[in-house]
Protein backbone atom coordinates (compact mmCIF):
# COMPACT_ATOMS: atom_id res chain seq x y z
CA UNK A 1 142.17 78.45 91.17
CA UNK A 2 146.41 77.01 90.19
CA UNK A 3 148.36 78.80 91.90
CA UNK A 4 151.63 76.85 91.99
CA UNK A 5 152.69 73.65 90.33
CA UNK A 6 151.29 71.22 92.23
CA UNK A 7 147.64 72.86 91.62
CA UNK A 8 146.40 72.98 95.35
CA UNK A 9 149.01 74.33 97.74
CA UNK A 10 148.09 78.00 97.62
CA UNK A 11 144.82 77.55 97.05
CA UNK A 12 144.60 75.85 100.69
CA UNK A 13 146.72 78.71 102.16
CA UNK A 14 144.90 81.31 101.16
CA UNK A 15 141.48 79.57 101.60
CA UNK A 16 142.75 78.92 105.16
CA UNK A 17 143.76 82.50 105.80
CA UNK A 18 141.09 84.27 104.24
CA UNK A 19 140.26 86.06 107.61
CA UNK A 20 143.87 87.32 107.21
CA UNK A 21 145.32 90.55 105.51
CA UNK A 22 146.54 90.09 101.71
CA UNK A 23 149.89 91.52 102.75
CA UNK A 24 150.08 88.10 105.67
CA UNK A 25 148.85 85.62 103.18
CA UNK A 26 151.78 87.07 100.49
CA UNK A 27 154.35 87.09 103.81
CA UNK A 28 152.64 83.36 104.31
CA UNK A 29 152.70 82.33 100.28
CA UNK A 30 156.22 83.24 99.69
CA UNK A 31 156.53 80.11 97.23
CA UNK A 32 153.93 82.33 95.10
CA UNK A 33 154.75 84.10 91.94
CA UNK A 34 153.26 87.84 92.20
CA UNK A 35 150.85 86.75 89.14
CA UNK A 36 149.96 83.16 90.62
CA UNK A 37 149.22 85.05 94.38
CA UNK A 38 147.08 87.75 92.60
CA UNK A 39 145.07 84.92 91.12
CA UNK A 40 144.78 82.86 93.41
CA UNK A 41 143.53 86.70 95.06
CA UNK A 42 140.86 87.03 92.77
CA UNK A 43 139.48 83.56 93.01
CA UNK A 44 139.64 83.93 96.94
CA UNK A 45 137.65 87.38 96.16
CA UNK A 46 135.63 85.07 93.79
CA UNK A 47 134.68 82.97 96.32
CA UNK A 48 133.68 85.84 98.95
CA UNK A 49 131.47 86.93 96.04
CA UNK A 50 130.06 84.02 95.85
CA UNK A 51 129.26 83.11 99.32
CA UNK A 52 127.90 86.63 100.04
CA UNK A 53 125.61 85.89 97.20
CA UNK A 54 124.56 82.83 98.67
CA UNK A 55 123.45 84.21 101.81
CA UNK A 56 122.02 86.85 99.99
CA UNK A 57 119.87 84.21 98.04
CA UNK A 58 119.34 82.23 101.44
CA UNK A 59 117.65 85.89 102.82
CA UNK A 60 116.10 86.77 99.93
CA UNK A 61 114.41 83.17 99.66
CA UNK A 62 113.82 83.25 103.78
CA UNK A 63 111.81 86.13 103.05
CA UNK A 64 110.11 85.07 100.47
CA UNK A 65 108.62 82.44 102.23
CA UNK A 66 107.27 84.86 105.33
CA UNK A 67 105.26 87.26 102.43
CA UNK A 68 103.77 83.60 101.53
CA UNK A 69 102.71 82.94 104.80
CA UNK A 70 101.60 86.66 105.65
CA UNK A 71 100.05 86.76 102.52
CA UNK A 72 98.13 83.00 103.55
CA UNK A 73 97.21 84.65 107.04
CA UNK A 74 96.19 87.78 105.45
CA UNK A 75 93.51 86.16 103.06
CA UNK A 76 92.10 83.87 105.96
CA UNK A 77 91.41 87.24 107.63
CA UNK A 78 89.99 88.95 105.39
CA UNK A 79 87.78 85.93 104.58
CA UNK A 80 86.61 85.82 107.88
CA UNK A 81 86.02 89.37 107.96
CA UNK A 82 84.32 89.46 105.19
CA UNK A 83 82.01 86.55 106.46
CA UNK A 84 81.34 88.49 109.49
CA UNK A 85 80.36 91.67 107.72
CA UNK A 86 77.97 89.64 105.61
CA UNK A 87 76.71 88.02 109.11
CA UNK A 88 76.43 91.23 110.65
CA UNK A 89 74.93 92.78 107.73
CA UNK A 90 71.88 89.81 107.45
CA UNK A 91 71.10 90.21 111.28
CA UNK A 92 71.29 94.44 110.67
CA UNK A 93 68.68 93.70 107.76
CA UNK A 94 66.23 91.45 109.56
CA UNK A 95 65.56 93.05 112.75
CA UNK A 96 61.81 94.53 112.75
CA UNK A 97 63.05 97.53 114.26
CA UNK A 98 64.14 101.07 112.27
CA UNK A 99 68.29 100.85 113.08
CA UNK A 100 70.58 103.64 111.64
CA UNK A 101 74.62 103.47 112.18
CA UNK A 102 76.16 106.65 112.70
CA UNK A 103 79.99 107.79 113.19
CA UNK A 104 80.93 109.86 116.20
CA UNK A 105 79.87 113.01 114.00
CA UNK A 106 76.51 111.68 113.36
CA UNK A 107 76.80 111.37 109.86
CA UNK A 108 74.71 107.79 108.46
CA UNK A 109 76.76 105.05 107.33
CA UNK A 110 73.93 102.63 107.43
CA UNK A 111 70.11 101.81 108.04
CA UNK A 112 68.48 98.75 107.56
CA UNK A 113 65.05 98.21 105.13
CA UNK A 114 62.48 99.56 107.96
CA UNK A 115 64.64 102.60 108.56
CA UNK A 116 64.31 103.49 104.66
CA UNK A 117 60.47 103.22 105.10
CA UNK A 118 60.13 105.46 108.04
CA UNK A 119 62.47 108.45 106.80
CA UNK A 120 61.15 107.67 103.00
CA UNK A 121 64.70 107.54 101.71
CA UNK A 122 66.58 104.70 100.55
CA UNK A 123 70.18 104.28 102.39
CA UNK A 124 72.00 105.13 99.14
CA UNK A 125 70.71 108.26 99.51
CA UNK A 126 70.84 109.23 103.46
CA UNK A 127 73.89 107.54 103.89
CA UNK A 128 76.55 110.73 104.53
CA UNK A 129 74.38 112.80 105.84
CA UNK A 130 73.59 114.36 109.39
CA UNK A 131 71.59 112.20 111.51
CA UNK A 132 69.65 115.40 112.03
CA UNK A 133 68.98 116.19 108.88
CA UNK A 134 67.48 113.15 107.50
CA UNK A 135 65.80 112.20 110.96
CA UNK A 136 63.67 114.97 112.77
CA UNK A 137 62.57 113.60 115.88
CA UNK A 138 58.86 115.45 117.81
CA UNK A 139 58.19 115.61 120.84
CA UNK A 140 54.87 113.64 122.02
CA UNK A 141 53.29 116.15 123.75
CA UNK A 142 54.46 119.76 122.36
CA UNK A 143 54.91 118.19 118.77
CA UNK A 144 58.08 120.35 118.66
CA UNK A 145 61.32 119.15 116.64
CA UNK A 146 63.56 117.81 119.55
CA UNK A 147 67.58 116.88 119.42
CA UNK A 148 68.06 113.15 118.72
CA UNK A 149 70.03 110.71 120.45
CA UNK A 150 73.02 110.57 117.98
CA UNK A 151 73.84 114.75 118.93
CA UNK A 152 73.60 113.51 122.75
CA UNK A 153 75.84 110.90 122.28
CA UNK A 154 78.30 112.89 119.87
CA UNK A 155 78.95 115.34 122.91
CA UNK A 156 79.48 113.12 125.79
CA UNK A 157 82.23 111.71 123.82
CA UNK A 158 83.58 115.25 122.91
């Protein structure tokens, strides 16, 4: 912004005093005509807006970098969790005893192949049903239906 006859004096005066109120700048820049003064003020406002824009851009770039880093961390964590899930599924399915996994309320979440053959239902049909509705345990001596361990465990956690 050209604000006086030399082309630089008023710009420097405004740049050096940009933290002061406009009236204070006006008093320090008496050699500048009102038109040139307001032109300089407009230029100063443009410089301030440019600085703000640059700061916002720097913050946005920093946030973008943080998002990239966090996304990368989450991808690694998801891959690790998936590998662990596959390893546990392989272990669960290879055990020679019947295994059931239930939630706290006793609803079946998982069954291994041995459990499927024991109850005569594939896991996809038994999943979401109560364990006691799918598996009926009998007392060896009386042949009476007894309460399963899932119900006992459920009561212990209530």
